[in-house]
Amino acid sequence: MGKVGDDLVSVIVITYKSAAYVTETLESVKRQSYPHIELIITDDGSRDDTIEVCRKWIEDNRSRFTDARLVTTPVNTGVPSNCNRGWRAATGPWLKFIAGDDILLDHCIEEFVRYAKTEPDASFIAAGIIPFDENGDREPEYTSNALRKSTSEAQFTALLRDNCMMPAPALFVKKALLEKIGGFDERYSMLEDVPFYVKTLASGYKFYFLDKPLVRYRSWLGSIVNSSDNRHSEQVLQFSKDYVIPLLIRRRRFLLCWHILVFNFSIEKSASVSWLFDNTKLRNMFWLAVDPLYWLVFLSKMKRRASRS
């Protein structure tokens, strides 16, 4: 590959009790083909050996980077606060967040920078991810369908209507964007991604899509989203009530607002009416009966299945 530029990229490694895997993550940052990298490791009050492992690794590998720093806090403050400390410590115009157990492919940063040069209006770029399980076996690649939409409004609708979550491990963000929208919302300690995506799209920023996988995502560690701890779901519901529903009402997006309300109801009542929501057929019948937008979601899924067969 030819030279793509000399912009500084700040790679921000987010850690919490990551001692067992963070070295593998840091080695993947070290192997990057792109030379101009600032490394920021931000730890959220780990009580294992994460800080010691990271400090020793930085001492041994500092010369690889334009700068390398470890940011710590004595108490656990939540994922959004940890992310905010990381980007505020960074000095590069472009930021690459990665969890302290995921892995960057060797040309990840170079590919992002190269793509950014072709899209000068881009402030937010997303690529695909390659999940892998506890045995290191590769799982199917994942890309959010929302990323394939052509406008920020269409992406906003897909994100909320179809629950098309962006692949957080494969995001590349301008620091100026985070400064503009105020960073990550610290009111939701386990929920850094959804409020950020919704607020970014609601502000008119489009997600640009680099159609190739650039990050390996460790999918088996019991991430917040996959955890049995229901605090994540509670915070999704609270953010919906605090921000999403009022926003949709102001924009007169009443059908989408109703769709979100029905979705929230299904989460809140899933335990008390498990006979309904644990049965796929009954659940689909419920949605089809009460939510007009679900017909669009249902038909879209059928169309995708038909195209794959």
Protein backbone atom coordinates (compact mmCIF):
# COMPACT_ATOMS: atom_id res chain seq x y z
CA MET A 1 0.00 0.00 0.00
CA GLY A 2 1.19 3.51 -0.76
CA LYS A 3 1.55 6.30 1.77
CA VAL A 4 -1.83 7.50 3.03
CA GLY A 5 -0.82 10.56 5.06
CA ASP A 6 0.71 11.67 8.32
CA ASP A 7 -2.35 12.54 10.42
CA LEU A 8 -2.01 11.47 14.03
CA VAL A 9 -4.51 8.81 15.07
CA SER A 10 -5.24 8.28 18.76
CA VAL A 11 -6.00 4.65 19.57
CA ILE A 12 -7.92 4.55 22.85
CA VAL A 13 -7.92 1.20 24.64
CA ILE A 14 -10.80 0.91 27.12
CA THR A 15 -10.00 -1.42 30.01
CA TYR A 16 -11.70 -2.78 33.10
CA LYS A 17 -10.49 -6.03 34.64
CA SER A 18 -8.76 -6.76 31.33
CA ALA A 19 -5.49 -8.24 32.59
CA ALA A 20 -5.99 -11.60 30.88
CA TYR A 21 -6.48 -10.17 27.38
CA VAL A 22 -5.18 -6.61 27.18
CA THR A 23 -1.67 -7.61 26.08
CA GLU A 24 -3.14 -9.27 22.99
CA THR A 25 -5.07 -6.07 22.26
CA LEU A 26 -2.00 -3.87 22.73
CA GLU A 27 0.13 -6.08 20.52
CA SER A 28 -2.46 -5.66 17.75
CA VAL A 29 -2.13 -1.88 18.09
CA LYS A 30 1.65 -2.19 17.97
CA ARG A 31 1.45 -4.22 14.73
CA GLN A 32 -0.48 -1.54 12.85
CA SER A 33 0.92 -0.71 9.43
CA TYR A 34 0.05 2.95 9.97
CA PRO A 35 2.98 4.65 11.73
CA HIS A 36 1.54 7.80 13.32
CA ILE A 37 -0.29 6.48 16.37
CA GLU A 38 -0.82 7.89 19.83
CA LEU A 39 -1.75 5.20 22.36
CA ILE A 40 -4.10 6.05 25.21
CA ILE A 41 -5.04 3.31 27.67
CA THR A 42 -7.84 4.38 30.00
CA ASP A 43 -8.69 2.11 32.90
CA ASP A 44 -11.87 2.25 34.96
CA GLY A 45 -10.72 1.31 38.43
CA SER A 46 -9.63 -2.28 37.78
CA ARG A 47 -8.88 -4.36 40.87
CA ASP A 48 -6.96 -7.06 38.99
CA ASP A 49 -3.51 -6.64 37.41
CA THR A 50 -4.69 -4.61 34.41
CA ILE A 51 -2.91 -1.38 35.37
CA GLU A 52 0.37 -3.13 36.15
CA VAL A 53 0.24 -5.12 32.89
CA CYS A 54 -0.47 -1.97 30.86
CA ARG A 55 2.18 0.12 32.60
CA LYS A 56 4.85 -2.52 31.98
CA TRP A 57 3.77 -2.94 28.35
CA ILE A 58 4.00 0.80 27.73
CA GLU A 59 7.49 0.90 29.25
CA ASP A 60 8.62 -1.86 26.88
CA ASN A 61 6.95 -0.50 23.73
CA ARG A 62 6.82 3.28 24.10
CA SER A 63 9.18 3.90 21.17
CA ARG A 64 6.64 2.45 18.70
CA PHE A 65 4.23 5.33 19.29
CA THR A 66 4.21 9.08 18.93
CA ASP A 67 3.10 9.06 22.56
CA ALA A 68 1.78 6.42 24.95
CA ARG A 69 -0.11 7.12 28.17
CA LEU A 70 -2.07 5.31 30.83
CA VAL A 71 -5.07 7.12 32.32
CA THR A 72 -6.44 5.70 35.58
CA THR A 73 -9.12 6.39 38.17
CA PRO A 74 -9.32 4.96 41.70
CA VAL A 75 -13.00 3.98 41.41
CA ASN A 76 -15.18 2.34 38.79
CA THR A 77 -17.19 5.07 37.03
CA GLY A 78 -18.84 3.27 34.10
CA VAL A 79 -18.06 2.81 30.43
CA PRO A 80 -19.13 6.29 29.17
CA SER A 81 -16.98 8.07 31.77
CA ASN A 82 -14.02 5.86 30.89
CA CYS A 83 -14.46 6.62 27.18
CA ASN A 84 -14.69 10.35 27.93
CA ARG A 85 -11.43 10.32 29.88
CA GLY A 86 -9.80 8.57 26.95
CA TRP A 87 -10.82 10.94 24.15
CA ARG A 88 -10.21 14.04 26.28
CA ALA A 89 -6.64 12.86 26.87
CA ALA A 90 -6.11 12.25 23.14
CA THR A 91 -4.45 14.81 20.85
CA GLY A 92 -5.08 13.26 17.42
CA PRO A 93 -7.87 14.52 15.13
CA TRP A 94 -9.07 10.93 14.57
CA LEU A 95 -9.89 8.47 17.37
CA LYS A 96 -10.07 4.68 17.33
CA PHE A 97 -11.71 3.16 20.41
CA ILE A 98 -11.14 -0.51 21.15
CA ALA A 99 -12.03 -2.61 24.18
CA GLY A 100 -9.16 -4.17 26.08
CA ASP A 101 -10.03 -7.65 24.83
CA ASP A 102 -10.61 -7.05 21.10
CA ILE A 103 -8.03 -7.13 18.30
CA LEU A 104 -7.26 -4.72 15.47
CA LEU A 105 -6.39 -6.32 12.15
CA ASP A 106 -2.93 -5.23 11.00
CA HIS A 107 -4.08 -2.65 8.42
CA CYS A 108 -7.06 -1.38 10.42
CA ILE A 109 -5.89 2.18 11.06
CA GLU A 110 -4.31 2.55 7.62
CA GLU A 111 -7.56 1.45 5.96
CA PHE A 112 -9.60 3.92 8.01
CA VAL A 113 -7.23 6.81 7.26
CA ARG A 114 -7.14 5.95 3.56
CA TYR A 115 -10.95 5.87 3.42
CA ALA A 116 -11.22 9.15 5.35
CA LYS A 117 -9.06 10.83 2.69
CA THR A 118 -11.67 9.87 0.06
CA GLU A 119 -14.57 11.18 2.18
CA PRO A 120 -13.54 14.62 3.49
CA ASP A 121 -16.99 15.26 4.99
CA ALA A 122 -16.86 12.13 7.14
CA SER A 123 -16.69 12.53 10.91
CA PHE A 124 -17.80 9.00 11.75
CA ILE A 125 -16.71 5.88 9.87
CA ALA A 126 -17.75 2.30 10.60
CA ALA A 127 -16.46 -0.98 9.22
CA GLY A 128 -17.33 -4.63 9.72
CA ILE A 129 -16.25 -6.88 12.56
CA ILE A 130 -15.19 -10.51 12.84
CA PRO A 131 -16.56 -12.03 16.05
CA PHE A 132 -14.74 -14.99 17.57
CA ASP A 133 -15.70 -17.32 20.40
CA GLU A 134 -13.96 -18.71 23.49
CA ASN A 135 -12.06 -21.22 21.35
CA GLY A 136 -10.81 -18.55 18.97
CA ASP A 137 -13.11 -19.86 16.25
CA ARG A 138 -14.34 -17.29 13.77
CA GLU A 139 -18.06 -16.53 13.73
CA PRO A 140 -20.00 -14.90 10.85
CA GLU A 141 -18.93 -11.34 10.05
CA TYR A 142 -21.32 -8.67 11.23
CA THR A 143 -22.28 -5.31 9.75
CA SER A 144 -25.29 -3.24 10.81
CA ASN A 145 -27.90 -2.83 8.06
CA ALA A 146 -28.29 0.78 9.16
CA LEU A 147 -24.82 1.51 7.78
CA ARG A 148 -26.00 0.68 4.28
CA LYS A 149 -28.51 3.54 4.32
CA SER A 150 -27.52 6.63 2.34
CA THR A 151 -28.56 9.46 4.68
CA SER A 152 -28.34 10.21 8.39
CA GLU A 153 -32.15 10.29 8.62
CA ALA A 154 -32.47 6.85 7.00
CA GLN A 155 -29.77 5.50 9.31
CA PHE A 156 -31.55 7.05 12.30
CA THR A 157 -34.81 5.35 11.30
CA ALA A 158 -33.16 1.97 10.72
CA LEU A 159 -31.32 2.17 14.02
CA LEU A 160 -34.56 2.68 15.96
CA ARG A 161 -37.08 0.82 13.82
CA ASP A 162 -35.05 -2.32 13.09
CA ASN A 163 -32.83 -2.22 16.19
CA CYS A 164 -29.80 -2.17 13.87
CA MET A 165 -26.98 -1.70 16.31
CA MET A 166 -23.69 -0.35 14.99
CA PRO A 167 -20.62 -2.55 15.51
CA ALA A 168 -18.99 -0.49 18.26
CA PRO A 169 -15.55 -2.18 18.00
CA ALA A 170 -15.16 -1.02 14.38
CA LEU A 171 -15.81 2.73 14.69
CA PHE A 172 -13.45 5.55 13.69
CA VAL A 173 -14.45 8.98 14.98
CA LYS A 174 -13.27 12.57 14.66
CA LYS A 175 -12.48 14.16 18.00
CA ALA A 176 -14.30 17.29 16.82
CA LEU A 177 -17.55 15.29 16.60
CA LEU A 178 -17.30 14.20 20.22
CA GLU A 179 -16.57 17.78 21.23
CA LYS A 180 -19.61 18.97 19.27
CA ILE A 181 -22.13 16.54 20.83
CA GLY A 182 -20.61 16.58 24.30
CA GLY A 183 -18.99 13.17 24.35
CA PHE A 184 -20.59 10.08 25.87
CA ASP A 185 -23.58 10.49 28.18
CA GLU A 186 -22.40 9.58 31.68
CA ARG A 187 -25.93 9.29 33.09
CA TYR A 188 -26.09 5.76 31.65
CA SER A 189 -23.10 4.01 33.19
CA MET A 190 -23.43 0.78 31.18
CA LEU A 191 -24.58 2.32 27.92
CA GLU A 192 -21.97 4.27 25.98
CA ASP A 193 -22.96 3.33 22.45
CA VAL A 194 -26.72 3.74 21.93
CA PRO A 195 -27.01 7.34 23.23
CA PHE A 196 -23.94 8.30 21.20
CA TYR A 197 -25.31 6.80 17.98
CA VAL A 198 -28.78 8.29 18.38
CA LYS A 199 -27.51 11.76 19.28
CA THR A 200 -24.96 11.72 16.45
CA LEU A 201 -27.55 10.79 13.84
CA ALA A 202 -30.12 13.18 15.31
CA SER A 203 -27.55 15.97 14.90
CA GLY A 204 -27.37 15.26 11.17
CA TYR A 205 -24.06 13.39 11.05
CA LYS A 206 -24.03 10.47 8.65
CA PHE A 207 -22.25 7.21 9.43
CA TYR A 208 -19.89 6.45 6.55
CA PHE A 209 -19.38 2.78 5.79
CA LEU A 210 -16.07 1.12 4.96
CA ASP A 211 -17.24 -2.24 3.64
CA LYS A 212 -14.62 -4.60 5.04
CA PRO A 213 -13.96 -6.17 8.45
CA LEU A 214 -11.14 -4.45 10.34
CA VAL A 215 -11.55 -5.64 13.93
CA ARG A 216 -11.80 -9.03 15.63
CA TYR A 217 -14.43 -8.86 18.36
CA ARG A 218 -14.28 -11.21 21.33
CA SER A 219 -17.95 -12.11 21.56
CA TRP A 220 -17.95 -14.62 24.40
CA LEU A 221 -16.77 -12.65 27.41
CA GLY A 222 -20.23 -11.70 28.64
CA SER A 223 -20.28 -8.15 27.36
CA ILE A 224 -22.70 -5.69 28.89
CA VAL A 225 -25.23 -6.24 26.13
CA ASN A 226 -25.09 -10.02 26.41
CA SER A 227 -24.94 -10.09 30.18
CA SER A 228 -27.76 -11.56 32.22
CA ASP A 229 -27.56 -8.40 34.33
CA ASN A 230 -30.70 -6.48 33.40
CA ARG A 231 -29.23 -3.08 34.23
CA HIS A 232 -28.30 -2.65 30.58
CA SER A 233 -31.92 -3.14 29.50
CA GLU A 234 -33.08 -0.78 32.24
CA GLN A 235 -30.73 1.92 30.99
CA VAL A 236 -31.84 1.42 27.38
CA LEU A 237 -35.42 1.97 28.53
CA GLN A 238 -34.46 5.01 30.57
CA PHE A 239 -32.59 6.61 27.67
CA SER A 240 -35.59 5.94 25.46
CA LYS A 241 -37.86 7.72 27.93
CA ASP A 242 -35.43 10.58 28.57
CA TYR A 243 -34.39 11.32 24.99
CA VAL A 244 -35.72 9.14 22.18
CA ILE A 245 -39.48 9.43 22.79
CA PRO A 246 -39.42 13.24 23.32
CA LEU A 247 -37.23 13.62 20.21
CA LEU A 248 -39.60 11.58 18.04
CA ILE A 249 -42.61 13.54 19.30
CA ARG A 250 -40.89 16.85 18.49
CA ARG A 251 -40.13 15.54 15.01
CA ARG A 252 -43.70 14.28 14.60
CA ARG A 253 -42.44 10.74 13.96
CA PHE A 254 -45.49 9.24 15.65
CA LEU A 255 -45.43 5.78 14.05
CA LEU A 256 -41.79 5.33 14.97
CA CYS A 257 -42.56 6.64 18.46
CA TRP A 258 -45.33 4.04 18.85
CA HIS A 259 -42.95 1.34 17.61
CA ILE A 260 -40.45 2.29 20.33
CA LEU A 261 -43.15 2.36 23.00
CA VAL A 262 -44.31 -1.14 22.03
CA PHE A 263 -40.70 -2.35 22.03
CA ASN A 264 -40.20 -0.83 25.50
CA PHE A 265 -43.36 -2.55 26.72
CA SER A 266 -42.10 -5.90 25.47
CA ILE A 267 -38.87 -5.45 27.45
CA GLU A 268 -40.58 -4.27 30.62
CA LYS A 269 -43.19 -7.04 30.57
CA SER A 270 -41.09 -9.88 29.19
CA ALA A 271 -40.73 -11.53 32.60
CA SER A 272 -44.36 -11.20 33.68
CA VAL A 273 -45.78 -12.42 30.35
CA SER A 274 -43.00 -14.79 29.34
CA TRP A 275 -45.56 -17.13 27.78
CA LEU A 276 -46.03 -14.44 25.11
CA PHE A 277 -42.55 -13.06 24.53
CA ASP A 278 -40.63 -16.34 24.88
CA ASN A 279 -42.66 -17.89 22.07
CA THR A 280 -41.42 -16.64 18.70
CA LYS A 281 -44.71 -17.22 16.91
CA LEU A 282 -46.82 -15.55 19.59
CA ARG A 283 -44.35 -12.68 19.88
CA ASN A 284 -44.50 -12.03 16.14
CA MET A 285 -48.30 -12.18 16.19
CA PHE A 286 -48.37 -9.65 19.02
CA TRP A 287 -46.08 -7.25 17.16
CA LEU A 288 -47.98 -7.61 13.90
CA ALA A 289 -51.27 -6.94 15.69
CA VAL A 290 -50.26 -3.75 17.50
CA ASP A 291 -47.42 -2.17 15.51
CA PRO A 292 -47.79 -1.09 11.86
CA LEU A 293 -44.04 -0.52 11.50
CA TYR A 294 -43.36 -4.11 12.48
CA TRP A 295 -44.91 -5.16 9.20
CA LEU A 296 -42.04 -3.35 7.46
CA VAL A 297 -39.48 -5.00 9.71
CA PHE A 298 -41.11 -8.40 9.18
CA LEU A 299 -41.26 -8.01 5.39
CA SER A 300 -37.66 -6.78 5.29
CA LYS A 301 -36.50 -9.89 7.16
CA MET A 302 -38.46 -12.13 4.80
CA LYS A 303 -36.89 -10.37 1.81
CA ARG A 304 -33.37 -10.85 3.19
CA ARG A 305 -34.03 -14.54 3.84
CA ALA A 306 -35.33 -14.99 0.31
CA SER A 307 -32.29 -13.28 -1.18
CA ARG A 308 -29.96 -15.63 0.73
CA SER A 309 -31.80 -18.79 -0.36
